[in-house]
Amino acid sequence: VTAIACLAYGLCQYNELVRCAVAHAGNDHRLGAQEAPPAIISLYPGTGFEAHVESIVAGGDLLGYKAEKKLQSTGCAASMAVEANCEDRNRTAPFPFCGNRFEFRAVGSSQNCAFPVMLCNAVMAAGMAHVARLIEGGTSHRDAVAQTFKENRHVIFTGNGYSDVWPLEASMRGLPNLRTTPEAIAAWDSVKNKALFRTMGVFTNEETEAVKHIMYENYITSLTVEVN
């Protein structure tokens, strides 16, 4: 539960940065179609866990959540039914919970996963540091997690990411919708993002700006090759 609160913090506070992790020419065509999630970064922990989050925010215990299971028929009379989660993975969510893990489903097939993994680790570390600061400041573990969920629960979305209503709702929640790679890259070197990289020892300010130019160059090169 604490780890998911940290993840929610990271995805909410550094939403544009996570979008940058999957910003490249191929994804401009893929995101929001072809069984890929939309460009709006959100967290899908499942409807059952979402209800548990609401319970925690309302004063409930951190413990007590248990994922429901069901027997899934294989469709073959010669084989036994297998145990499966009641909630299917949401293929319209960038960050769905899939039984025993979260998946970052927005990563493009032509991408090297190292860059998205690095950014996921950075924002997750930011969430852990936030919860640690609250606890070290005298807040109880339960209250620190509850406060983190309360401040960042608008990044949690368990609906249909392909729905026409979702971009409107995301806008009301304050979640950015960076549809194209240039829009995403433009947000890369914001003051907030530079501060995160410095604090976590990932990039200096100069290195952050250099990565931005590299992303632009890769994008332009990909489109140039495609056109030619």
Protein backbone atom coordinates (compact mmCIF):
# COMPACT_ATOMS: atom_id res chain seq x y z
CA VAL A 1 0.00 0.00 0.00
CA THR A 2 2.82 2.39 0.90
CA ALA A 3 4.61 1.64 -2.37
CA ILE A 4 1.47 2.38 -4.39
CA ALA A 5 1.09 5.69 -2.55
CA CYS A 6 4.68 6.52 -3.52
CA LEU A 7 3.96 5.56 -7.13
CA ALA A 8 0.81 7.69 -7.18
CA TYR A 9 2.85 10.64 -5.90
CA GLY A 10 5.51 10.17 -8.57
CA LEU A 11 3.04 9.83 -11.43
CA CYS A 12 1.00 12.79 -10.25
CA GLN A 13 3.75 15.25 -9.37
CA TYR A 14 5.97 14.37 -12.34
CA ASN A 15 3.29 13.45 -14.87
CA GLU A 16 4.95 15.26 -17.78
CA LEU A 17 8.26 13.56 -17.03
CA VAL A 18 6.72 10.10 -17.23
CA ARG A 19 5.10 11.09 -20.52
CA CYS A 20 8.56 12.10 -21.79
CA ALA A 21 9.72 8.55 -21.05
CA VAL A 22 7.61 7.29 -23.95
CA ALA A 23 7.89 10.31 -26.25
CA HIS A 24 9.12 9.28 -29.69
CA ALA A 25 7.89 9.41 -33.26
CA GLY A 26 6.36 5.93 -33.34
CA ASN A 27 4.29 6.52 -30.23
CA ASP A 28 2.69 9.62 -31.78
CA HIS A 29 0.76 7.16 -33.96
CA ARG A 30 0.34 4.40 -31.38
CA LEU A 31 -0.81 5.99 -28.11
CA GLY A 32 -4.59 5.98 -27.79
CA ALA A 33 -5.02 3.29 -30.45
CA GLN A 34 -3.94 -0.23 -31.41
CA GLU A 35 -4.50 -1.54 -27.86
CA ALA A 36 -2.10 1.09 -26.51
CA PRO A 37 -3.00 3.45 -23.64
CA PRO A 38 -3.65 7.14 -24.27
CA ALA A 39 -1.04 9.88 -23.87
CA ILE A 40 -2.59 10.90 -20.54
CA ILE A 41 -0.53 9.27 -17.78
CA SER A 42 -2.73 7.73 -15.08
CA LEU A 43 -2.56 4.90 -12.54
CA TYR A 44 -4.94 1.92 -12.63
CA PRO A 45 -4.72 -0.12 -9.39
CA GLY A 46 -8.11 -1.76 -9.98
CA THR A 47 -11.54 -0.77 -8.71
CA GLY A 48 -11.15 -2.83 -5.54
CA PHE A 49 -7.94 -1.10 -4.53
CA GLU A 50 -9.37 2.28 -5.50
CA ALA A 51 -12.12 1.66 -2.94
CA HIS A 52 -9.42 0.73 -0.40
CA VAL A 53 -7.65 4.04 -1.11
CA GLU A 54 -10.87 5.91 -0.40
CA SER A 55 -11.18 3.97 2.86
CA ILE A 56 -7.62 4.92 3.87
CA VAL A 57 -8.22 8.60 3.08
CA ALA A 58 -11.38 8.44 5.20
CA GLY A 59 -9.39 7.14 8.19
CA GLY A 60 -9.29 3.39 7.60
CA ASP A 61 -6.38 1.01 8.17
CA LEU A 62 -3.64 0.50 5.61
CA LEU A 63 -4.03 -3.27 5.82
CA GLY A 64 -7.13 -5.22 4.93
CA TYR A 65 -7.13 -5.20 1.14
CA LYS A 66 -7.14 -8.58 -0.55
CA ALA A 67 -7.46 -9.00 -4.30
CA GLU A 68 -10.46 -11.14 -5.20
CA LYS A 69 -9.80 -14.34 -7.13
CA LYS A 70 -11.96 -16.39 -9.45
CA LEU A 71 -11.76 -19.70 -11.30
CA GLN A 72 -11.24 -19.11 -14.99
CA SER A 73 -12.35 -21.77 -17.43
CA THR A 74 -9.78 -22.74 -20.04
CA GLY A 75 -12.50 -23.72 -22.48
CA CYS A 76 -11.15 -27.25 -22.62
CA ALA A 77 -13.03 -30.12 -20.98
CA ALA A 78 -9.78 -32.02 -20.41
CA SER A 79 -8.16 -29.31 -18.26
CA MET A 80 -9.02 -27.85 -14.88
CA ALA A 81 -10.05 -24.25 -14.33
CA VAL A 82 -7.23 -21.97 -13.22
CA GLU A 83 -7.23 -19.29 -10.54
CA ALA A 84 -7.24 -15.75 -11.93
CA ASN A 85 -7.80 -12.21 -10.75
CA CYS A 86 -11.37 -10.95 -10.81
CA GLU A 87 -10.23 -7.70 -12.40
CA ASP A 88 -8.78 -7.89 -15.88
CA ARG A 89 -5.76 -5.75 -16.68
CA ASN A 90 -6.89 -2.47 -18.17
CA ARG A 91 -5.36 -2.23 -21.64
CA THR A 92 -6.41 1.42 -21.86
CA ALA A 93 -4.31 2.42 -18.83
CA PRO A 94 -0.62 3.47 -19.00
CA PHE A 95 0.10 2.04 -15.52
CA PRO A 96 -2.25 -0.90 -14.79
CA PHE A 97 -1.91 -3.38 -11.93
CA CYS A 98 -1.66 -6.89 -13.38
CA GLY A 99 -2.09 -9.31 -10.49
CA ASN A 100 1.37 -9.15 -8.92
CA ARG A 101 2.98 -6.12 -10.58
CA PHE A 102 2.39 -2.81 -12.30
CA GLU A 103 3.13 -2.53 -16.01
CA PHE A 104 4.18 0.60 -17.87
CA ARG A 105 2.23 -0.19 -21.02
CA ALA A 106 2.95 3.02 -22.92
CA VAL A 107 6.54 2.11 -23.83
CA GLY A 108 6.96 1.79 -27.59
CA SER A 109 8.19 -1.42 -29.23
CA SER A 110 11.20 0.32 -30.80
CA GLN A 111 12.31 1.93 -27.53
CA ASN A 112 15.20 0.89 -25.32
CA CYS A 113 13.52 0.26 -21.96
CA ALA A 114 16.46 1.69 -19.98
CA PHE A 115 15.28 5.30 -20.34
CA PRO A 116 11.65 4.69 -19.22
CA VAL A 117 12.86 2.47 -16.35
CA MET A 118 15.27 5.19 -15.20
CA LEU A 119 12.50 7.78 -15.12
CA CYS A 120 10.09 5.41 -13.36
CA ASN A 121 12.74 4.78 -10.71
CA ALA A 122 13.33 8.52 -10.33
CA VAL A 123 9.67 9.42 -9.77
CA MET A 124 9.17 6.40 -7.50
CA ALA A 125 12.16 7.53 -5.43
CA ALA A 126 10.61 11.00 -5.22
CA GLY A 127 7.43 9.45 -3.81
CA MET A 128 9.39 7.42 -1.26
CA ALA A 129 11.32 10.52 -0.21
CA HIS A 130 8.04 12.42 0.22
CA VAL A 131 6.52 9.76 2.48
CA ALA A 132 9.80 9.50 4.42
CA ARG A 133 9.82 13.26 5.04
CA LEU A 134 6.29 13.12 6.42
CA ILE A 135 7.14 10.24 8.77
CA GLU A 136 10.42 11.82 9.89
CA GLY A 137 8.47 15.01 10.58
CA GLY A 138 6.30 13.20 13.12
CA THR A 139 3.38 12.01 10.99
CA SER A 140 2.38 8.40 11.60
CA HIS A 141 2.91 5.83 8.85
CA ARG A 142 -0.83 5.48 8.29
CA ASP A 143 -1.44 9.21 8.15
CA ALA A 144 1.55 9.79 5.86
CA VAL A 145 0.21 7.27 3.35
CA ALA A 146 -3.33 8.62 3.68
CA GLN A 147 -2.14 12.19 3.10
CA THR A 148 -0.13 11.12 0.06
CA PHE A 149 -3.13 9.33 -1.43
CA LYS A 150 -5.41 12.28 -0.67
CA GLU A 151 -3.12 14.77 -2.40
CA ASN A 152 -2.48 12.59 -5.44
CA ARG A 153 -5.51 10.35 -5.90
CA HIS A 154 -6.67 12.34 -8.94
CA VAL A 155 -4.01 10.46 -10.94
CA ILE A 156 -5.88 7.21 -10.17
CA PHE A 157 -8.35 6.35 -12.94
CA THR A 158 -10.11 3.00 -13.26
CA GLY A 159 -12.34 3.85 -16.20
CA ASN A 160 -12.00 3.50 -19.96
CA GLY A 161 -8.97 5.42 -21.22
CA TYR A 162 -10.34 5.31 -24.78
CA SER A 163 -13.54 7.10 -23.78
CA ASP A 164 -14.17 10.55 -25.28
CA VAL A 165 -15.00 11.71 -21.76
CA TRP A 166 -11.59 10.85 -20.29
CA PRO A 167 -9.61 13.76 -21.83
CA LEU A 168 -12.22 16.17 -20.46
CA GLU A 169 -12.15 14.57 -17.02
CA ALA A 170 -8.35 14.47 -17.05
CA SER A 171 -8.29 18.19 -17.79
CA MET A 172 -10.58 18.85 -14.83
CA ARG A 173 -8.27 16.74 -12.65
CA GLY A 174 -5.29 18.80 -13.76
CA LEU A 175 -3.61 15.96 -15.66
CA PRO A 176 -1.78 17.07 -18.83
CA ASN A 177 -2.63 15.61 -22.22
CA LEU A 178 0.60 15.87 -24.20
CA ARG A 179 -0.52 14.29 -27.45
CA THR A 180 2.70 14.59 -29.44
CA THR A 181 6.40 14.09 -28.84
CA PRO A 182 7.31 17.80 -29.27
CA GLU A 183 4.69 18.75 -26.65
CA ALA A 184 6.13 16.22 -24.22
CA ILE A 185 9.78 17.13 -24.82
CA ALA A 186 8.99 20.82 -24.24
CA ALA A 187 8.11 19.95 -20.63
CA TRP A 188 11.26 17.91 -20.03
CA ASP A 189 13.52 20.58 -18.56
CA SER A 190 11.05 22.37 -16.31
CA VAL A 191 12.33 23.80 -13.03
CA LYS A 192 10.59 21.01 -11.11
CA ASN A 193 12.08 18.26 -13.26
CA LYS A 194 15.59 19.71 -13.07
CA ALA A 195 15.28 19.85 -9.28
CA LEU A 196 14.24 16.18 -9.18
CA PHE A 197 17.19 15.09 -11.30
CA ARG A 198 19.63 17.08 -9.19
CA THR A 199 18.21 15.80 -5.91
CA MET A 200 18.25 12.18 -7.03
CA GLY A 201 21.70 12.49 -8.58
CA VAL A 202 20.43 11.55 -12.04
CA PHE A 203 21.38 14.56 -14.18
CA THR A 204 22.94 17.96 -13.68
CA ASN A 205 21.09 20.94 -15.18
CA GLU A 206 23.42 20.88 -18.18
CA GLU A 207 22.87 17.16 -18.71
CA THR A 208 19.10 17.61 -18.49
CA GLU A 209 19.22 20.24 -21.23
CA ALA A 210 21.50 18.02 -23.33
CA VAL A 211 19.03 15.12 -23.11
CA LYS A 212 16.29 17.45 -24.35
CA HIS A 213 18.30 18.29 -27.47
CA ILE A 214 19.04 14.60 -28.02
CA MET A 215 15.34 13.73 -27.84
CA TYR A 216 14.52 16.45 -30.37
CA GLU A 217 17.30 15.22 -32.67
CA ASN A 218 16.10 11.60 -32.46
CA TYR A 219 12.55 12.69 -33.21
CA ILE A 220 13.57 14.76 -36.25
CA THR A 221 15.85 12.00 -37.53
CA SER A 222 13.08 9.39 -37.26
CA LEU A 223 10.63 11.55 -39.20
CA THR A 224 13.25 12.44 -41.81
CA VAL A 225 14.04 8.77 -42.42
CA GLU A 226 10.32 7.99 -42.66
CA VAL A 227 9.70 10.79 -45.17
CA ASN A 228 12.64 9.82 -47.34
